[in-house]
């Protein structure tokens, strides 16, 4: 009996020592992190919007964390090349990712084939930038309100053109949902990028389009484009006179676009929290806050859990939109 009890005590002691051996290195890793440079994968090319913001963040995060944050551009396949590289990286905090809207939400949500699980392979860290699009019209089209758009579209069924940045993108979904919500018929024309669609709208070849404030300002300031409505829960600061669709009587089409930071799933939570704090500290610098505001963007200092909820909500929404509209990646 005493021998059996003694053996149990020895076994428990060995187990406790083993558990301590596992937890101490983890705690030490989190406490000492980072001890070497951090690689920041970006899902776009050098000079692109995500690349520019990744470098702005990276510079300030380097100062906070005490180690270089080195940008590694991995463009292509709607951002899935960079996302796949992250999913295959060690979950130690030394490889993180900036981007996310295309490879984790829009592309797989519309049926795009990826070699990772967008809902399970990534640990959200924090928001980078956020924005909502505007519905705009050619200034010479006589469309200044949602009511004007409805009247013209019903007078000329399937003649008004809604320009998009390409098939199965945010603008494509927006144009199709506008048809459903407003009870009208539009011709949806895909372009190779948002700037081409907006330029054709400003020149009158297209009647309406969807764009973001940073893209629109060069065209709305000289009066070539008119802001009709915001596809957002609140009016956009850049265009305070343009109502939201809900204010115009058509709620339910809030289309947020975001960029953010992600780590491979399994990255220790203390490291995730440390990175989240560094991103928030970076964006709270006046030069970044004012720059984002001047471009018509938004920022929410979300913790990792709240950011994860945002990502999950958008992933579910895009799958639902794809199923309802039949829009799939070709």
Protein backbone atom coordinates (compact mmCIF):
# COMPACT_ATOMS: atom_id res chain seq x y z
CA UNK A 1 0.00 0.00 0.00
CA UNK A 2 2.74 2.42 1.03
CA UNK A 3 4.78 1.44 -2.02
CA UNK A 4 1.79 2.11 -4.29
CA UNK A 5 1.20 5.52 -2.69
CA UNK A 6 4.87 6.36 -3.00
CA UNK A 7 4.84 5.46 -6.70
CA UNK A 8 1.81 7.70 -7.27
CA UNK A 9 3.51 10.62 -5.55
CA UNK A 10 6.62 10.12 -7.67
CA UNK A 11 4.51 9.99 -10.85
CA UNK A 12 2.70 13.20 -9.89
CA UNK A 13 6.00 14.92 -9.17
CA UNK A 14 7.40 13.88 -12.55
CA UNK A 15 4.24 15.13 -14.29
CA UNK A 16 4.46 18.46 -12.47
CA UNK A 17 8.10 18.86 -13.46
CA UNK A 18 7.23 18.05 -17.07
CA UNK A 19 4.39 20.61 -17.10
CA UNK A 20 6.72 23.23 -15.66
CA UNK A 21 9.27 22.45 -18.34
CA UNK A 22 6.63 23.09 -20.98
CA UNK A 23 5.24 26.32 -19.54
CA UNK A 24 8.47 28.04 -18.55
CA UNK A 25 9.93 28.17 -22.08
CA UNK A 26 6.58 29.46 -23.40
CA UNK A 27 6.49 32.23 -20.80
CA UNK A 28 10.12 33.06 -21.44
CA UNK A 29 9.48 33.15 -25.17
CA UNK A 30 6.61 35.61 -24.76
CA UNK A 31 8.52 37.73 -22.26
CA UNK A 32 11.67 37.95 -24.39
CA UNK A 33 9.80 38.40 -27.69
CA UNK A 34 10.96 39.68 -30.08
CA UNK A 35 14.65 38.81 -29.97
CA UNK A 36 15.24 38.95 -33.73
CA UNK A 37 13.72 40.68 -36.80
CA UNK A 38 10.06 40.09 -37.68
CA UNK A 39 9.07 39.29 -41.25
CA UNK A 40 5.89 41.05 -42.39
CA UNK A 41 4.26 39.35 -45.37
CA UNK A 42 2.17 41.71 -47.53
CA UNK A 43 -0.52 40.51 -49.93
CA UNK A 44 0.22 43.15 -52.57
CA UNK A 45 3.07 44.48 -54.69
CA UNK A 46 5.62 47.10 -53.68
CA UNK A 47 4.07 50.53 -54.04
CA UNK A 48 0.50 49.25 -53.58
CA UNK A 49 -1.84 50.52 -50.87
CA UNK A 50 -1.25 47.60 -48.49
CA UNK A 51 2.52 47.80 -49.05
CA UNK A 52 2.58 51.53 -48.23
CA UNK A 53 0.60 51.07 -45.03
CA UNK A 54 2.60 47.97 -44.04
CA UNK A 55 5.82 49.99 -44.26
CA UNK A 56 4.34 52.87 -42.29
CA UNK A 57 3.22 50.51 -39.56
CA UNK A 58 6.41 48.45 -39.69
CA UNK A 59 8.66 51.44 -39.10
CA UNK A 60 6.78 52.50 -35.98
CA UNK A 61 6.32 48.95 -34.69
CA UNK A 62 10.08 48.45 -34.99
CA UNK A 63 10.61 51.39 -32.63
CA UNK A 64 8.14 49.93 -30.10
CA UNK A 65 9.29 46.31 -30.28
CA UNK A 66 13.02 47.02 -30.52
CA UNK A 67 13.52 44.81 -33.58
CA UNK A 68 13.26 45.49 -37.33
CA UNK A 69 9.94 44.67 -39.01
CA UNK A 70 10.96 43.67 -42.54
CA UNK A 71 8.35 43.81 -45.32
CA UNK A 72 8.21 40.78 -47.63
CA UNK A 73 5.91 41.38 -50.61
CA UNK A 74 4.08 38.28 -51.89
CA UNK A 75 1.58 39.55 -54.49
CA UNK A 76 -0.64 37.44 -56.70
CA UNK A 77 -3.70 35.18 -56.70
CA UNK A 78 -5.86 37.77 -54.91
CA UNK A 79 -3.44 37.78 -51.98
CA UNK A 80 -3.63 34.04 -51.39
CA UNK A 81 0.10 33.54 -52.08
CA UNK A 82 1.01 35.67 -49.05
CA UNK A 83 -1.72 34.10 -46.93
CA UNK A 84 -0.54 30.58 -47.78
CA UNK A 85 3.03 31.53 -46.86
CA UNK A 86 1.79 32.68 -43.47
CA UNK A 87 -0.29 29.54 -42.89
CA UNK A 88 2.84 27.44 -43.46
CA UNK A 89 5.04 29.53 -41.13
CA UNK A 90 6.03 28.63 -37.60
CA UNK A 91 3.61 30.06 -35.01
CA UNK A 92 6.34 31.90 -33.12
CA UNK A 93 5.52 35.54 -33.92
CA UNK A 94 8.45 36.04 -36.27
CA UNK A 95 6.35 35.81 -39.42
CA UNK A 96 3.17 37.88 -39.53
CA UNK A 97 0.91 39.12 -42.30
CA UNK A 98 -0.64 42.42 -43.34
CA UNK A 99 -3.72 42.46 -45.57
CA UNK A 100 -6.52 39.96 -45.32
CA UNK A 101 -9.67 41.34 -46.97
CA UNK A 102 -9.07 39.63 -50.31
CA UNK A 103 -7.38 36.34 -49.37
CA UNK A 104 -9.28 35.65 -46.14
CA UNK A 105 -12.73 37.08 -46.92
CA UNK A 106 -13.66 38.14 -50.45
CA UNK A 107 -11.78 35.63 -52.63
CA UNK A 108 -12.62 32.40 -50.74
CA UNK A 109 -16.09 33.77 -49.93
CA UNK A 110 -16.83 33.95 -53.66
CA UNK A 111 -15.64 30.40 -54.26
CA UNK A 112 -11.96 31.06 -54.93
CA UNK A 113 -9.79 27.98 -54.38
CA UNK A 114 -7.09 28.41 -51.73
CA UNK A 115 -4.67 25.98 -50.09
CA UNK A 116 -5.47 26.99 -46.52
CA UNK A 117 -8.52 27.36 -44.31
CA UNK A 118 -9.31 31.08 -44.03
CA UNK A 119 -11.35 30.50 -40.88
CA UNK A 120 -8.97 28.20 -38.99
CA UNK A 121 -5.36 28.79 -40.08
CA UNK A 122 -4.94 32.40 -38.95
CA UNK A 123 -4.85 34.24 -35.63
CA UNK A 124 -6.11 37.84 -35.99
CA UNK A 125 -3.86 40.40 -34.28
CA UNK A 126 -5.43 43.79 -34.98
CA UNK A 127 -6.88 46.21 -37.52
CA UNK A 128 -4.65 48.20 -39.85
CA UNK A 129 -7.05 50.36 -41.84
CA UNK A 130 -10.77 50.31 -42.58
CA UNK A 131 -12.97 52.03 -45.12
CA UNK A 132 -16.41 52.07 -46.68
CA UNK A 133 -17.15 52.76 -50.35
CA UNK A 134 -19.26 55.51 -51.89
CA UNK A 135 -21.78 55.27 -54.69
CA UNK A 136 -20.89 57.96 -57.22
CA UNK A 137 -22.30 59.15 -60.55
CA UNK A 138 -21.03 61.01 -63.60
CA UNK A 139 -21.78 64.68 -62.96
CA UNK A 140 -23.36 65.07 -66.39
CA UNK A 141 -25.77 62.17 -65.95
CA UNK A 142 -28.29 64.13 -63.92
CA UNK A 143 -28.08 61.66 -61.03
CA UNK A 144 -27.59 63.46 -57.73
CA UNK A 145 -29.63 61.25 -55.38
CA UNK A 146 -30.67 57.62 -55.00
CA UNK A 147 -34.15 58.66 -56.13
CA UNK A 148 -32.66 60.11 -59.33
CA UNK A 149 -30.84 56.84 -59.97
CA UNK A 150 -34.03 54.81 -59.54
CA UNK A 151 -36.00 57.12 -61.83
CA UNK A 152 -33.41 57.00 -64.61
CA UNK A 153 -32.87 53.25 -64.33
CA UNK A 154 -36.60 52.56 -64.55
CA UNK A 155 -36.92 54.90 -67.52
CA UNK A 156 -34.01 53.13 -69.27
CA UNK A 157 -34.01 49.49 -68.06
CA UNK A 158 -30.64 47.76 -68.41
CA UNK A 159 -29.04 50.84 -70.02
CA UNK A 160 -27.32 52.51 -67.07
CA UNK A 161 -23.81 51.13 -66.55
CA UNK A 162 -22.34 50.36 -63.13
CA UNK A 163 -18.55 50.14 -63.46
CA UNK A 164 -16.64 47.72 -61.21
CA UNK A 165 -13.01 46.93 -60.43
CA UNK A 166 -13.44 43.40 -61.77
CA UNK A 167 -15.51 40.24 -61.53
CA UNK A 168 -16.49 38.99 -58.04
CA UNK A 169 -14.99 42.00 -56.26
CA UNK A 170 -16.63 44.30 -53.75
CA UNK A 171 -17.87 46.71 -56.41
CA UNK A 172 -19.41 43.87 -58.42
CA UNK A 173 -21.38 42.68 -55.40
CA UNK A 174 -22.40 46.27 -54.63
CA UNK A 175 -23.78 46.85 -58.13
CA UNK A 176 -25.78 43.61 -58.08
CA UNK A 177 -27.17 44.32 -54.60
CA UNK A 178 -28.14 47.84 -55.66
CA UNK A 179 -30.25 46.30 -58.41
CA UNK A 180 -32.02 44.04 -55.93
CA UNK A 181 -32.50 46.67 -53.23
CA UNK A 182 -33.64 49.48 -55.51
CA UNK A 183 -35.73 47.30 -57.82
CA UNK A 184 -33.87 48.37 -60.98
CA UNK A 185 -31.83 46.84 -63.79
CA UNK A 186 -28.23 47.91 -64.43
CA UNK A 187 -25.49 46.80 -66.80
CA UNK A 188 -22.49 45.75 -64.72
CA UNK A 189 -19.20 46.25 -66.57
CA UNK A 190 -15.93 44.92 -65.07
CA UNK A 191 -12.68 46.87 -65.49
CA UNK A 192 -9.10 45.95 -64.70
CA UNK A 193 -9.02 47.89 -61.46
CA UNK A 194 -11.04 50.52 -59.66
CA UNK A 195 -9.17 53.52 -61.08
CA UNK A 196 -10.08 52.57 -64.66
CA UNK A 197 -13.77 52.22 -63.78
CA UNK A 198 -13.84 55.55 -61.94
CA UNK A 199 -11.99 57.36 -64.73
CA UNK A 200 -14.51 56.14 -67.30
CA UNK A 201 -17.31 57.27 -64.99
CA UNK A 202 -15.73 60.71 -64.67
CA UNK A 203 -15.51 60.90 -68.46
CA UNK A 204 -19.18 59.94 -68.91
CA UNK A 205 -18.70 56.52 -70.51
CA UNK A 206 -20.18 55.00 -67.34
CA UNK A 207 -23.05 56.46 -65.31
CA UNK A 208 -22.36 55.11 -61.80
CA UNK A 209 -19.54 53.36 -59.95
CA UNK A 210 -18.35 52.42 -56.47
CA UNK A 211 -15.13 53.77 -54.99
CA UNK A 212 -13.26 54.77 -51.84
CA UNK A 213 -12.58 58.32 -50.71
CA UNK A 214 -8.85 58.18 -51.49
CA UNK A 215 -9.67 57.15 -55.09
CA UNK A 216 -12.55 59.57 -55.51
CA UNK A 217 -11.10 62.86 -54.29
CA UNK A 218 -9.11 63.69 -57.46
CA UNK A 219 -12.34 63.24 -59.46
CA UNK A 220 -14.97 64.67 -57.11
CA UNK A 221 -13.00 67.82 -56.29
CA UNK A 222 -13.09 69.13 -59.89
CA UNK A 223 -16.76 68.14 -60.08
CA UNK A 224 -16.48 65.22 -62.49
CA UNK A 225 -18.10 62.79 -60.05
CA UNK A 226 -21.02 63.32 -57.66
CA UNK A 227 -21.18 61.41 -54.35
CA UNK A 228 -24.67 59.87 -54.18
CA UNK A 229 -24.65 57.69 -51.05
CA UNK A 230 -22.32 55.99 -48.59
CA UNK A 231 -22.38 52.20 -48.31
CA UNK A 232 -21.66 52.49 -44.60
CA UNK A 233 -23.45 52.68 -41.24
CA UNK A 234 -22.62 56.39 -40.89
CA UNK A 235 -21.94 59.27 -43.27
CA UNK A 236 -18.37 59.50 -44.46
CA UNK A 237 -16.38 62.49 -43.11
CA UNK A 238 -15.07 63.28 -46.59
CA UNK A 239 -18.60 63.54 -48.01
CA UNK A 240 -20.85 64.67 -45.15
CA UNK A 241 -23.64 65.84 -47.49
CA UNK A 242 -24.04 62.38 -49.04
CA UNK A 243 -26.52 60.25 -47.05
CA UNK A 244 -26.06 56.59 -46.25
CA UNK A 245 -28.19 54.16 -48.21
CA UNK A 246 -30.14 53.55 -45.02
CA UNK A 247 -30.89 57.27 -44.74
CA UNK A 248 -32.07 57.17 -48.35
CA UNK A 249 -34.51 54.42 -47.36
CA UNK A 250 -32.53 51.32 -48.32
CA UNK A 251 -30.75 49.76 -45.32
CA UNK A 252 -28.61 46.63 -45.33
CA UNK A 253 -25.72 47.30 -47.69
CA UNK A 254 -22.79 48.25 -45.44
CA UNK A 255 -19.65 46.99 -47.18
CA UNK A 256 -16.55 47.44 -45.06
CA UNK A 257 -13.10 46.81 -46.48
CA UNK A 258 -10.22 46.34 -44.08
CA UNK A 259 -6.56 45.48 -43.81
CA UNK A 260 -5.13 43.95 -40.69
CA UNK A 261 -2.39 41.96 -39.03
CA UNK A 262 -2.50 38.18 -38.69
CA UNK A 263 -0.26 35.45 -37.28
CA UNK A 264 -0.30 31.69 -37.88
CA UNK A 265 -2.81 29.86 -35.70
CA UNK A 266 -1.11 28.52 -32.57
CA UNK A 267 0.97 31.65 -31.96
CA UNK A 268 1.07 32.17 -28.16
CA UNK A 269 -1.53 34.65 -26.95
CA UNK A 270 1.01 36.80 -25.04
CA UNK A 271 2.84 37.37 -28.34
CA UNK A 272 -0.44 38.18 -30.12
CA UNK A 273 -1.25 40.71 -27.39
CA UNK A 274 2.20 42.28 -27.61
CA UNK A 275 1.85 42.70 -31.37
CA UNK A 276 -1.66 44.10 -30.98
CA UNK A 277 -0.37 46.72 -28.53
CA UNK A 278 2.40 47.65 -30.97
CA UNK A 279 -0.06 48.13 -33.86
CA UNK A 280 -2.36 50.30 -31.73
CA UNK A 281 0.55 52.39 -30.49
CA UNK A 282 1.70 52.87 -34.09
CA UNK A 283 -1.69 54.05 -35.37
CA UNK A 284 -2.17 56.40 -32.46
CA UNK A 285 0.80 58.41 -33.71
CA UNK A 286 -0.69 61.71 -34.96
CA UNK A 287 1.04 61.46 -38.34
CA UNK A 288 -0.68 58.15 -39.14
CA UNK A 289 -4.03 59.06 -37.60
CA UNK A 290 -4.25 62.31 -39.53
CA UNK A 291 -3.02 60.71 -42.75
CA UNK A 292 -5.68 58.00 -42.63
CA UNK A 293 -8.35 60.58 -41.82
CA UNK A 294 -7.26 62.79 -44.73
CA UNK A 295 -7.61 59.79 -47.07
CA UNK A 296 -11.14 59.13 -45.88
CA UNK A 297 -10.25 55.96 -44.00
CA UNK A 298 -11.26 54.78 -40.55
CA UNK A 299 -9.46 53.12 -37.67
CA UNK A 300 -10.75 51.08 -34.76
CA UNK A 301 -8.25 50.01 -32.07
CA UNK A 302 -9.73 46.53 -31.70
CA UNK A 303 -8.24 43.87 -29.44
CA UNK A 304 -7.50 40.47 -31.02
CA UNK A 305 -10.82 38.95 -29.92
CA UNK A 306 -12.93 41.78 -31.34
CA UNK A 307 -10.93 41.79 -34.55
CA UNK A 308 -11.49 38.04 -34.85
CA UNK A 309 -15.26 38.65 -34.53
CA UNK A 310 -15.10 41.27 -37.30
CA UNK A 311 -13.24 38.88 -39.61
CA UNK A 312 -15.64 36.00 -38.88
CA UNK A 313 -18.66 38.24 -39.47
CA UNK A 314 -17.32 39.42 -42.83
CA UNK A 315 -16.40 35.88 -43.91
CA UNK A 316 -19.97 34.72 -43.22
CA UNK A 317 -21.43 37.76 -44.97
CA UNK A 318 -19.39 37.26 -48.16
CA UNK A 319 -20.35 33.59 -48.39
CA UNK A 320 -23.99 34.59 -48.00
CA UNK A 321 -23.72 37.31 -50.66
CA UNK A 322 -22.09 34.89 -53.09
CA UNK A 323 -24.84 32.33 -52.53
CA UNK A 324 -27.62 34.91 -52.93
CA UNK A 325 -26.24 36.54 -56.08
CA UNK A 326 -24.64 33.54 -57.76
CA UNK A 327 -21.42 35.55 -58.18
CA UNK A 328 -18.44 33.21 -58.13
CA UNK A 329 -14.75 33.61 -58.88
CA UNK A 330 -14.16 32.50 -62.46
